[in-house]
N, C-alpha and C. Protein backbone atom coordinates (compact mmCIF):
# COMPACT_ATOMS: atom_id res chain seq x y z
N MET A 1 102.20 207.65 232.77
CA MET A 1 101.55 208.63 233.50
C MET A 1 101.26 208.18 234.88
N HIS A 2 101.50 208.79 236.06
CA HIS A 2 101.51 208.35 237.29
C HIS A 2 99.93 208.64 237.73
N GLU A 3 99.41 207.92 238.55
CA GLU A 3 97.87 208.04 238.91
C GLU A 3 97.60 207.83 240.54
N VAL A 4 96.85 208.72 241.16
CA VAL A 4 96.82 208.25 242.46
C VAL A 4 95.14 208.70 242.75
N VAL A 5 94.78 207.93 243.64
CA VAL A 5 93.19 208.09 244.09
C VAL A 5 93.06 208.35 245.52
N LEU A 6 92.89 209.54 245.94
CA LEU A 6 92.86 209.89 247.47
C LEU A 6 91.14 209.56 248.02
N ARG A 7 91.05 208.83 249.00
CA ARG A 7 89.67 208.68 249.50
C ARG A 7 89.59 209.31 250.95
N LEU A 8 89.16 210.33 251.00
CA LEU A 8 89.32 211.22 252.24
C LEU A 8 88.06 211.22 253.02
N GLU A 9 87.80 210.66 254.18
CA GLU A 9 86.58 210.95 254.90
C GLU A 9 86.51 212.19 255.54
N CYS A 10 85.11 212.80 255.19
CA CYS A 10 85.06 214.27 255.65
C CYS A 10 83.65 214.41 256.30
N THR A 11 83.48 215.31 257.04
CA THR A 11 82.22 215.54 257.81
C THR A 11 81.23 216.14 256.69
N ASN A 12 81.64 216.93 255.92
CA ASN A 12 80.74 217.26 254.78
C ASN A 12 81.21 217.31 253.40
N PRO A 13 81.70 216.16 252.67
CA PRO A 13 82.24 216.03 251.65
C PRO A 13 81.92 216.76 250.47
N GLU A 14 80.54 217.09 250.30
CA GLU A 14 80.15 217.89 249.12
C GLU A 14 80.56 219.50 249.29
N LEU A 15 80.63 219.95 250.79
CA LEU A 15 81.19 221.26 250.84
C LEU A 15 82.44 221.35 250.81
N VAL A 16 83.38 220.42 251.10
CA VAL A 16 84.86 220.32 250.78
C VAL A 16 84.90 220.26 249.44
N LYS A 17 84.28 219.39 248.64
CA LYS A 17 84.44 219.50 247.19
C LYS A 17 84.04 220.80 246.53
N LYS A 18 83.14 221.35 246.94
CA LYS A 18 82.62 222.72 246.36
C LYS A 18 83.78 223.67 246.74
N SER A 19 84.43 223.73 247.81
CA SER A 19 85.49 224.59 248.32
C SER A 19 86.84 224.45 247.53
N LEU A 20 86.97 223.19 247.16
CA LEU A 20 88.26 222.96 246.62
C LEU A 20 88.29 222.95 244.72
N GLU A 21 87.12 222.98 244.35
CA GLU A 21 86.93 222.95 242.83
C GLU A 21 87.53 224.18 242.26
N PRO A 22 87.23 225.41 242.62
CA PRO A 22 87.84 226.34 241.99
C PRO A 22 89.27 226.17 241.78
N ASP A 23 89.95 225.62 242.56
CA ASP A 23 91.68 225.46 242.55
C ASP A 23 92.19 224.38 241.62
N ILE A 24 91.15 223.73 241.03
CA ILE A 24 91.59 222.62 240.12
C ILE A 24 92.28 223.20 238.83
N LYS A 25 93.42 222.85 238.54
CA LYS A 25 93.90 223.40 237.37
C LYS A 25 94.66 222.28 236.50
N ASN A 26 93.77 221.91 235.43
CA ASN A 26 94.35 220.76 234.54
C ASN A 26 95.24 221.43 233.46
N ASP A 27 96.15 220.84 232.90
CA ASP A 27 97.17 221.17 232.09
C ASP A 27 97.74 219.84 231.26
N GLU A 28 98.57 220.04 230.40
CA GLU A 28 99.49 218.99 229.83
C GLU A 28 100.00 218.09 230.70
N ASN A 29 100.42 218.52 232.07
CA ASN A 29 101.10 217.70 232.92
C ASN A 29 100.25 216.97 233.77
N THR A 30 99.17 217.48 234.18
CA THR A 30 98.31 216.93 235.37
C THR A 30 96.76 217.13 235.05
N GLU A 31 95.89 216.14 235.58
CA GLU A 31 94.59 216.20 235.44
C GLU A 31 94.06 215.85 236.88
N THR A 32 93.16 216.60 237.64
CA THR A 32 92.61 216.27 238.69
C THR A 32 91.14 216.23 238.48
N GLN A 33 90.51 215.23 239.26
CA GLN A 33 88.93 215.19 239.18
C GLN A 33 88.62 214.85 240.65
N MET A 34 87.25 215.37 241.17
CA MET A 34 86.74 215.18 242.43
C MET A 34 85.39 214.78 242.27
N SER A 35 84.97 213.80 243.22
CA SER A 35 83.76 213.28 243.44
C SER A 35 83.55 212.90 244.88
N VAL A 36 82.28 212.75 245.10
CA VAL A 36 81.65 212.47 246.46
C VAL A 36 81.03 210.92 246.40
N GLU A 37 81.44 210.26 247.33
CA GLU A 37 80.82 208.77 247.42
C GLU A 37 80.58 208.53 248.91
N GLY A 38 79.25 208.78 249.19
CA GLY A 38 78.91 208.78 250.69
C GLY A 38 79.48 209.83 251.62
N GLU A 39 80.25 209.28 252.53
CA GLU A 39 80.91 210.58 253.42
C GLU A 39 82.50 210.61 252.94
N PHE A 40 82.75 210.32 251.84
CA PHE A 40 84.21 210.40 251.30
C PHE A 40 84.44 211.15 250.18
N LEU A 41 85.27 212.08 250.21
CA LEU A 41 85.81 212.83 248.98
C LEU A 41 86.86 212.07 248.09
N LEU A 42 86.52 211.91 247.07
CA LEU A 42 87.56 211.01 246.24
C LEU A 42 88.23 212.23 245.27
N ILE A 43 89.52 212.06 245.28
CA ILE A 43 90.30 213.02 244.51
C ILE A 43 91.13 212.05 243.67
N ASN A 44 91.24 212.06 242.20
CA ASN A 44 91.78 211.42 241.42
C ASN A 44 92.94 212.52 240.75
N VAL A 45 94.18 212.11 240.98
CA VAL A 45 94.91 212.91 240.28
C VAL A 45 95.86 212.09 239.29
N LYS A 46 96.09 212.60 238.11
CA LYS A 46 97.16 211.81 237.17
C LYS A 46 98.10 212.99 236.89
N SER A 47 99.42 212.49 236.65
CA SER A 47 100.51 213.36 236.40
C SER A 47 101.43 212.76 235.74
N LYS A 48 102.08 213.49 234.62
CA LYS A 48 103.12 213.01 233.95
C LYS A 48 104.59 213.01 234.80
N LYS A 49 104.49 213.78 235.48
CA LYS A 49 105.80 214.05 236.45
C LYS A 49 105.31 213.83 237.88
N LEU A 50 106.12 212.86 238.48
CA LEU A 50 106.00 212.37 239.77
C LEU A 50 106.17 213.34 240.90
N ASN A 51 107.16 214.41 240.80
CA ASN A 51 107.22 215.38 241.70
C ASN A 51 106.12 216.13 241.63
N TYR A 52 105.46 216.54 240.32
CA TYR A 52 104.20 217.32 240.29
C TYR A 52 102.99 216.61 241.08
N LEU A 53 102.88 215.34 240.91
CA LEU A 53 101.88 214.45 241.59
C LEU A 53 102.06 214.62 243.17
N LYS A 54 103.28 214.33 243.80
CA LYS A 54 103.50 214.80 245.13
C LYS A 54 103.19 215.97 245.73
N ALA A 55 103.55 217.10 245.06
CA ALA A 55 103.10 218.22 245.51
C ALA A 55 101.38 218.54 245.48
N ILE A 56 100.82 218.06 244.49
CA ILE A 56 99.38 218.01 244.40
C ILE A 56 98.84 217.56 245.59
N LEU A 57 99.15 216.17 245.62
CA LEU A 57 98.53 215.45 246.85
C LEU A 57 98.75 215.93 248.14
N ASN A 58 99.99 216.59 248.38
CA ASN A 58 100.28 217.17 249.84
C ASN A 58 99.27 218.35 249.91
N ASN A 59 99.25 219.24 248.83
CA ASN A 59 98.45 220.42 248.78
C ASN A 59 96.91 219.90 249.26
N TYR A 60 96.39 218.98 248.34
CA TYR A 60 95.19 218.74 248.87
C TYR A 60 94.82 217.92 250.23
N ILE A 61 95.60 217.38 250.64
CA ILE A 61 95.57 216.86 252.07
C ILE A 61 95.77 217.92 253.11
N SER A 62 96.45 218.64 252.88
CA SER A 62 96.58 219.94 253.79
C SER A 62 95.22 220.75 253.57
N LEU A 63 94.84 220.89 252.49
CA LEU A 63 93.63 221.98 252.23
C LEU A 63 92.33 221.09 252.95
N VAL A 64 92.06 219.92 252.95
CA VAL A 64 91.08 219.05 253.34
C VAL A 64 91.10 219.11 254.89
N ASN A 65 92.43 218.87 255.52
CA ASN A 65 92.47 218.81 256.95
C ASN A 65 92.25 220.07 257.36
N MET A 66 92.61 221.36 256.79
CA MET A 66 92.17 222.80 257.29
C MET A 66 90.96 222.90 257.29
N LEU A 67 90.11 222.55 256.07
CA LEU A 67 88.89 222.46 256.00
C LEU A 67 87.82 221.98 257.15
N GLU A 68 88.55 220.64 257.46
CA GLU A 68 87.82 219.82 258.32
C GLU A 68 88.06 220.65 259.75
N GLU A 69 89.15 221.12 260.07
CA GLU A 69 89.25 221.85 261.40
C GLU A 69 88.44 223.05 261.49
N VAL A 70 88.20 223.78 260.27
CA VAL A 70 87.35 225.11 260.24
C VAL A 70 86.04 224.41 260.61
N GLU A 71 85.51 223.32 260.11
CA GLU A 71 84.35 222.87 260.43
C GLU A 71 83.93 222.35 262.10
N LYS A 72 84.87 221.99 262.36
CA LYS A 72 85.18 221.74 263.94
C LYS A 72 84.72 222.90 264.79
N VAL A 73 85.44 224.07 264.25
CA VAL A 73 85.24 225.31 265.07
C VAL A 73 83.92 226.04 265.13
N GLU A 74 83.29 225.85 263.77
CA GLU A 74 81.88 226.32 263.73
C GLU A 74 81.00 225.69 264.43
């Protein structure tokens, strides 16, 4: 199984986590967990398939960037 932990600095990591949690879909191929550590959002992704892992990581990075941009506009 492949595993990656993203440690992303966020303006409001609790709000970002709360926004992303409904999209977490764990199945027999992938497992995702999120937590907050200070000003960082930690996203732990495990996957049996490397291409799934890459897609999930790209998706979360894009979503966090978008949420951070929305935070700046408000």
